Protein backbone atom coordinates (compact mmCIF):
# COMPACT_ATOMS: atom_id res chain seq x y z
CA MET A 1 -44.18 -24.55 0.84
CA ILE A 2 -44.93 -27.59 2.96
CA LYS A 3 -48.43 -27.88 1.50
CA LEU A 4 -47.06 -27.57 -2.01
CA ILE A 5 -44.52 -30.36 -1.35
CA SER A 6 -47.21 -32.63 0.14
CA ASN A 7 -49.31 -31.99 -2.99
CA GLU A 8 -46.38 -32.91 -5.16
CA PHE A 9 -45.91 -36.07 -3.26
CA MET A 10 -49.56 -36.99 -3.76
CA LYS A 11 -49.35 -36.31 -7.53
CA LEU A 12 -46.13 -38.28 -7.74
CA PHE A 13 -47.13 -41.42 -5.79
CA PHE A 14 -50.58 -41.65 -7.13
CA ARG A 15 -49.16 -42.24 -10.56
CA ARG A 16 -49.31 -45.91 -11.44
CA GLY A 17 -45.91 -45.93 -13.04
CA VAL A 18 -44.26 -44.59 -9.89
CA LEU A 19 -45.91 -47.17 -7.68
CA ILE A 20 -44.98 -49.98 -10.02
CA SER A 21 -41.37 -48.68 -10.09
CA LEU A 22 -41.27 -48.77 -6.31
CA VAL A 23 -42.60 -52.28 -6.17
CA ILE A 24 -40.04 -53.42 -8.79
CA PHE A 25 -37.34 -51.68 -6.70
CA VAL A 26 -38.28 -53.46 -3.50
CA VAL A 27 -38.44 -56.83 -5.28
CA LEU A 28 -35.07 -56.09 -6.99
CA THR A 29 -33.52 -55.16 -3.64
CA VAL A 30 -34.69 -58.42 -1.94
CA GLY A 31 -33.67 -60.59 -4.89
CA THR A 32 -30.29 -58.93 -5.16
CA ASN A 33 -29.52 -59.33 -1.45
CA ILE A 34 -30.29 -63.04 -1.57
CA ALA A 35 -28.21 -63.53 -4.74
CA VAL A 36 -25.24 -61.60 -3.38
CA GLN A 37 -25.39 -63.45 -0.05
CA ARG A 38 -25.18 -66.81 -1.83
CA LEU A 39 -22.33 -65.55 -3.99
CA ASP A 40 -20.60 -64.37 -0.78
CA ASP A 41 -20.98 -67.79 0.76
CA ALA A 42 -19.54 -69.47 -2.33
CA LEU A 43 -16.52 -67.09 -2.53
CA ASN A 44 -15.78 -66.90 1.14
CA SER A 45 -16.42 -70.49 2.30
CA ARG A 46 -13.17 -70.72 4.14
CA ALA A 47 -12.67 -73.15 6.99
CA ASP A 48 -10.29 -70.88 8.86
CA TRP A 49 -9.96 -67.20 8.07
CA HIS A 50 -6.90 -67.01 10.32
CA GLN A 51 -4.81 -68.97 7.79
CA THR A 52 -5.92 -66.69 5.04
CA VAL A 53 -4.92 -63.56 7.03
CA GLN A 54 -1.56 -65.06 7.95
CA SER A 55 -0.94 -65.79 4.27
CA GLN A 56 -1.81 -62.24 3.31
CA ILE A 57 0.50 -60.78 6.00
CA GLN A 58 3.41 -62.90 4.78
CA ASP A 59 2.78 -61.89 1.09
CA MET A 60 2.81 -58.25 2.07
CA LYS A 61 5.94 -58.59 4.16
CA THR A 62 7.65 -60.32 1.19
CA GLN A 63 6.51 -57.59 -1.18
CA LEU A 64 7.74 -54.89 1.27
CA ALA A 65 11.17 -56.50 1.65
CA SER A 66 11.84 -57.60 -1.91
CA SER A 67 10.58 -54.72 -4.03
CA SER A 68 12.78 -51.64 -4.28
CA ALA A 69 10.48 -49.99 -6.83
CA LEU A 70 7.77 -49.29 -4.29
CA THR A 71 6.91 -45.62 -3.76
CA PRO A 72 7.15 -44.21 -0.17
CA GLU A 73 3.29 -43.94 -0.09
CA ARG A 74 2.89 -47.58 -1.11
CA ARG A 75 5.45 -48.71 1.49
CA THR A 76 3.47 -46.83 4.21
CA GLU A 77 0.22 -48.32 2.96
CA LEU A 78 1.62 -51.83 3.12
CA ALA A 79 3.12 -51.30 6.58
CA ASN A 80 -0.20 -50.02 7.88
CA GLU A 81 -2.05 -52.86 6.35
CA ILE A 82 0.34 -55.41 7.96
CA LYS A 83 -0.06 -53.64 11.33
CA ALA A 84 -3.87 -53.72 11.08
CA GLN A 85 -3.97 -57.34 9.96
CA GLU A 86 -1.61 -58.47 12.76
CA TYR A 87 -3.78 -56.65 15.32
CA ALA A 88 -6.92 -58.24 13.91
CA LEU A 89 -5.36 -61.65 14.07
CA ALA A 90 -4.05 -61.15 17.53
CA HIS A 91 -7.53 -60.09 18.84
CA ASP A 92 -9.47 -62.65 16.80
CA ILE A 93 -11.19 -60.04 14.54
CA ASP A 94 -11.95 -61.24 11.00
CA PRO A 95 -10.91 -58.35 8.79
CA ASN A 96 -13.22 -59.51 6.02
CA PRO A 97 -16.34 -60.74 7.78
CA VAL A 98 -19.34 -62.00 5.94
CA ASN A 99 -22.09 -60.35 8.10
CA ILE A 100 -25.15 -58.21 7.91
CA TRP A 101 -23.21 -54.98 7.35
CA ARG A 102 -21.47 -56.58 4.37
CA GLY A 103 -24.85 -57.38 2.84
CA LEU A 104 -26.03 -53.81 3.50
CA ASP A 105 -22.91 -52.36 1.85
CA ASN A 106 -23.21 -54.72 -1.14
CA SER A 107 -26.76 -53.61 -1.72
CA LEU A 108 -25.70 -50.02 -2.25
CA PHE A 109 -24.68 -50.77 -5.88
CA LEU A 110 -28.42 -50.52 -6.46
CA SER A 111 -27.93 -46.74 -6.06
CA SER A 112 -27.56 -46.78 -9.86
CA VAL A 113 -31.16 -47.90 -10.13
CA ILE A 114 -32.23 -45.09 -7.74
CA GLY A 115 -30.34 -42.72 -9.96
CA LEU A 116 -32.13 -43.91 -13.07
CA PHE A 117 -35.51 -43.60 -11.39
CA MET A 118 -34.71 -40.12 -10.19
CA VAL A 119 -33.56 -38.94 -13.55
CA VAL A 120 -36.82 -40.10 -15.07
CA PHE A 121 -38.94 -38.50 -12.19
CA ALA A 122 -36.95 -35.29 -12.39
CA SER A 123 -37.18 -34.78 -16.12
CA GLY A 124 -40.97 -35.19 -16.05
CA ILE A 125 -42.10 -33.57 -12.81
CA LEU A 126 -42.48 -30.16 -14.52
CA THR A 127 -42.58 -30.89 -18.22
CA LYS A 128 -45.50 -33.31 -17.65
CA GLU A 129 -47.45 -30.36 -16.21
CA PHE A 130 -47.14 -28.67 -19.66
CA GLU A 131 -48.14 -31.78 -21.53
CA TRP A 132 -51.28 -32.44 -19.35
CA GLY A 133 -52.16 -28.77 -19.28
CA THR A 134 -52.22 -28.75 -15.42
CA ILE A 135 -49.58 -26.02 -15.33
CA LYS A 136 -52.44 -23.49 -15.82
CA LEU A 137 -54.15 -24.72 -12.67
CA LEU A 138 -50.90 -24.17 -10.70
CA LEU A 139 -50.64 -20.57 -11.98
CA THR A 140 -54.18 -19.68 -10.88
CA ARG A 141 -53.22 -20.34 -7.23
CA PRO A 142 -51.42 -17.93 -4.90
CA PRO A 143 -47.92 -19.62 -4.78
CA THR A 144 -45.34 -17.85 -6.88
CA ARG A 145 -43.42 -19.51 -9.71
CA THR A 146 -40.42 -19.58 -7.51
CA LYS A 147 -42.27 -21.55 -4.84
CA ILE A 148 -43.57 -24.00 -7.41
CA TYR A 149 -40.10 -24.36 -8.81
CA MET A 150 -38.56 -25.07 -5.37
CA SER A 151 -41.38 -27.28 -4.19
CA LYS A 152 -40.87 -29.63 -7.16
CA PHE A 153 -37.13 -29.66 -6.66
CA LEU A 154 -37.40 -30.34 -2.95
CA THR A 155 -39.95 -33.12 -3.62
CA LEU A 156 -37.30 -34.79 -5.87
CA VAL A 157 -34.61 -34.48 -3.20
CA LEU A 158 -36.86 -35.93 -0.50
CA THR A 159 -37.95 -38.73 -2.80
CA ALA A 160 -34.37 -39.65 -3.45
CA ALA A 161 -33.56 -39.65 0.26
CA GLY A 162 -36.70 -41.75 0.88
CA MET A 163 -35.59 -44.32 -1.71
CA TYR A 164 -32.17 -44.59 0.00
CA VAL A 165 -33.86 -45.16 3.31
CA LEU A 166 -36.06 -47.76 1.70
CA LEU A 167 -33.07 -49.43 0.19
CA LEU A 168 -31.19 -49.65 3.54
CA VAL A 169 -34.26 -50.78 5.51
CA VAL A 170 -35.21 -53.50 3.00
CA SER A 171 -31.57 -54.55 2.70
CA PHE A 172 -31.18 -54.75 6.48
CA LEU A 173 -34.33 -56.83 6.97
CA THR A 174 -33.34 -59.16 4.12
CA SER A 175 -29.78 -59.48 5.46
CA MET A 176 -31.19 -60.44 8.86
CA PHE A 177 -32.40 -63.66 7.33
CA THR A 178 -29.66 -64.23 4.79
CA TYR A 179 -26.59 -63.32 6.91
CA GLY A 180 -27.93 -63.63 10.41
CA PHE A 181 -26.42 -61.75 13.29
CA ALA A 182 -23.01 -63.46 13.43
CA GLN A 183 -20.11 -60.99 13.77
CA MET A 184 -22.56 -58.16 13.68
CA GLY A 185 -20.71 -56.11 16.36
CA GLN A 186 -17.24 -56.81 15.06
CA PRO A 187 -15.24 -53.55 14.50
CA ILE A 188 -13.24 -52.58 11.51
CA VAL A 189 -9.48 -52.33 12.22
CA SER A 190 -7.42 -49.65 10.58
CA VAL A 191 -4.30 -47.55 11.24
CA GLY A 192 -4.70 -43.83 11.92
CA LYS A 193 -2.62 -41.00 10.59
CA THR A 194 -0.28 -41.04 13.55
CA GLY A 195 0.19 -44.80 13.33
CA GLU A 196 -2.22 -45.87 16.11
CA ILE A 197 -4.70 -48.67 15.75
CA ALA A 198 -8.24 -47.41 15.22
CA LEU A 199 -11.45 -49.50 15.75
CA THR A 200 -14.44 -48.27 13.80
CA SER A 201 -18.10 -49.34 14.06
CA PRO A 202 -19.03 -51.39 11.00
CA ILE A 203 -22.00 -49.19 10.30
CA VAL A 204 -19.85 -46.10 9.72
CA PRO A 205 -18.49 -47.14 6.29
CA VAL A 206 -21.94 -48.29 5.21
CA LEU A 207 -23.43 -44.85 6.03
CA ALA A 208 -20.53 -43.06 4.48
CA ASN A 209 -20.93 -45.05 1.24
CA ALA A 210 -24.67 -44.41 1.23
CA GLY A 211 -23.90 -40.67 1.69
CA PHE A 212 -21.48 -40.63 -1.24
CA ARG A 213 -23.98 -42.45 -3.44
CA PHE A 214 -26.75 -39.99 -2.41
CA ILE A 215 -24.61 -37.02 -3.50
CA GLU A 216 -24.15 -38.68 -6.94
CA THR A 217 -27.90 -39.17 -7.23
CA PHE A 218 -28.50 -35.64 -6.15
CA ILE A 219 -26.21 -34.43 -9.02
CA LEU A 220 -28.17 -36.56 -11.54
CA LEU A 221 -31.59 -35.41 -10.48
CA THR A 222 -30.53 -31.76 -10.39
CA ILE A 223 -29.14 -31.89 -13.93
CA ALA A 224 -32.20 -33.74 -15.25
CA TYR A 225 -34.60 -31.29 -13.53
CA ALA A 226 -32.70 -28.19 -14.81
CA LEU A 227 -32.31 -29.58 -18.41
CA SER A 228 -35.94 -30.49 -18.66
CA ILE A 229 -36.83 -26.87 -17.98
CA LEU A 230 -34.10 -25.37 -20.15
CA LEU A 231 -34.85 -27.70 -23.16
CA GLY A 232 -38.56 -28.05 -22.50
CA ASN A 233 -38.21 -31.79 -23.40
CA ASN A 234 -38.05 -34.54 -20.76
CA SER A 235 -36.77 -37.21 -23.21
CA ALA A 236 -33.80 -35.03 -24.18
CA ALA A 237 -33.13 -34.26 -20.52
CA ILE A 238 -32.99 -38.01 -19.71
CA VAL A 239 -30.67 -38.89 -22.62
CA ILE A 240 -28.24 -36.05 -21.98
CA THR A 241 -28.16 -36.70 -18.24
CA LEU A 242 -27.42 -40.39 -18.66
CA VAL A 243 -24.73 -39.80 -21.30
CA LEU A 244 -23.03 -37.25 -19.09
CA SER A 245 -23.19 -39.58 -16.03
CA VAL A 246 -20.97 -42.16 -17.83
CA SER A 247 -18.54 -39.66 -19.33
CA GLY A 248 -16.40 -39.22 -16.20
CA GLY A 249 -14.63 -42.57 -16.42
CA PRO A 250 -13.28 -42.22 -20.03
CA LEU A 251 -12.34 -38.60 -19.50
CA SER A 252 -10.29 -39.39 -16.38
CA PHE A 253 -7.57 -40.91 -18.60
CA PHE A 254 -6.97 -37.52 -20.23
CA VAL A 255 -6.63 -35.39 -17.08
CA GLU A 256 -2.85 -35.47 -17.09
CA ARG A 257 -2.77 -34.15 -20.73
CA TYR A 258 -5.56 -31.66 -20.42
CA THR A 259 -5.41 -30.18 -16.93
CA TRP A 260 -8.60 -28.21 -17.42
CA LEU A 261 -10.54 -31.49 -17.32
CA LYS A 262 -10.00 -31.69 -13.60
CA TYR A 263 -12.81 -29.13 -13.33
CA TYR A 264 -15.25 -31.39 -15.16
CA LEU A 265 -18.33 -32.16 -12.95
CA PHE A 266 -18.48 -35.91 -13.48
CA LEU A 267 -14.85 -36.47 -12.45
CA HIS A 268 -16.02 -35.45 -8.99
CA ALA A 269 -19.39 -37.01 -8.84
CA ASP A 270 -18.11 -40.17 -7.11
CA LEU A 271 -16.52 -38.93 -3.82
CA SER A 272 -16.07 -42.45 -2.34
CA GLY A 273 -12.37 -42.42 -3.34
CA TYR A 274 -11.68 -39.92 -0.66
CA ALA A 275 -12.66 -42.36 2.07
CA GLU A 276 -10.25 -44.97 0.50
CA GLY A 277 -7.40 -42.49 0.23
CA ASN A 278 -7.75 -42.45 -3.60
CA PRO A 279 -9.17 -39.09 -4.68
CA PRO A 280 -10.97 -39.03 -8.06
CA VAL A 281 -8.62 -36.20 -9.27
CA PRO A 282 -5.06 -36.50 -7.90
CA GLY A 283 -3.88 -33.45 -6.07
CA MET A 284 -7.42 -32.21 -5.24
CA GLY A 285 -9.23 -32.48 -1.87
CA ILE A 286 -12.80 -33.24 -1.00
CA ALA A 287 -13.47 -29.52 -0.31
CA SER A 288 -12.38 -28.70 -3.90
CA SER A 289 -14.61 -31.43 -5.37
CA LEU A 290 -17.64 -30.26 -3.32
CA SER A 291 -16.94 -26.63 -4.46
CA ILE A 292 -16.89 -27.68 -8.10
CA ILE A 293 -20.14 -29.76 -7.72
CA ALA A 294 -21.80 -26.79 -5.97
CA ALA A 295 -20.81 -24.29 -8.72
CA TYR A 296 -22.14 -26.45 -11.57
CA LEU A 297 -25.37 -27.26 -9.83
CA LEU A 298 -25.91 -23.67 -8.73
CA ILE A 299 -25.47 -22.45 -12.28
CA LEU A 300 -27.92 -25.08 -13.64
CA LEU A 301 -30.54 -24.29 -10.88
CA VAL A 302 -30.34 -20.51 -11.25
CA SER A 303 -30.47 -20.61 -15.08
CA SER A 304 -33.46 -23.01 -15.17
CA TRP A 305 -35.22 -21.00 -12.44
CA PHE A 306 -34.79 -17.88 -14.54
CA VAL A 307 -36.12 -19.58 -17.65
CA PHE A 308 -39.12 -21.00 -15.74
CA ARG A 309 -40.01 -17.55 -14.29
CA ARG A 310 -39.82 -15.93 -17.72
CA ARG A 311 -41.61 -18.52 -19.78
CA ASP A 312 -44.97 -17.59 -21.05
CA LEU A 313 -46.93 -20.30 -19.20
CA ALA A 314 -50.34 -18.87 -19.81
CA SER A 315 -50.06 -19.63 -23.48
CA LYS A 316 -49.28 -23.31 -22.90
């Protein structure tokens, strides 16, 4: 299996289009980091952040005291935010620092570009073998069709992971020059479930955000890979996958009317809401969302594997 995967990597990265895409991705990452840093400087050019935080605390206290329409959850949220802001102010911790970790987190919106690349790669990694006639060469070798199927899928997963590592490394190196090392070790202040102040390393939310984005990319590449096999057409797989990927937002408005929609895959693709206390589907936990995602992807992988095993490849 390892040899098959290494061969897949050689075939993938010796394609000119893939290498050009990677170069474009690196250039885009560097350029985006520089542009975002300049925008950050323009929007956060405040002489004294202490005054801003004091003003925010006062506004929240006024809202908490004057509004009787606030829900208990919102009141608790405001009270915790006030407590965290007051702690940060007392200990000289900027709650909204413009530092290297901010630059790294901002760069993760480029995960959508990784998702697009992976959809294209995934939809063509097997169908191109048919177009080029190289599928016959694969079948004359000892590895079974199952191993061929799995090696290509694992190559896609590892490629996606590698692109995320590349994104984080390039963003970190660029942010070293654009943001510098000021406030790099400053913790994030929050309030725990029992009301105690919690100090978190600034790298934790960055890695968590990257993990959530990777899961979304994993969903997209799995769907594109499975559909390209089921449909036998990489263009159709790309179009359908991209259309499905943007369908979650509009359909979320109809969940209350049609409760069965809460089981729709792309309402659960973005799991970052759980970290912010705002689940994508109200009333459901992260375990439920992961179970729904796993069920959909398992069905797609098993069905496409079955079709691939049964297909008359010798006649292609």
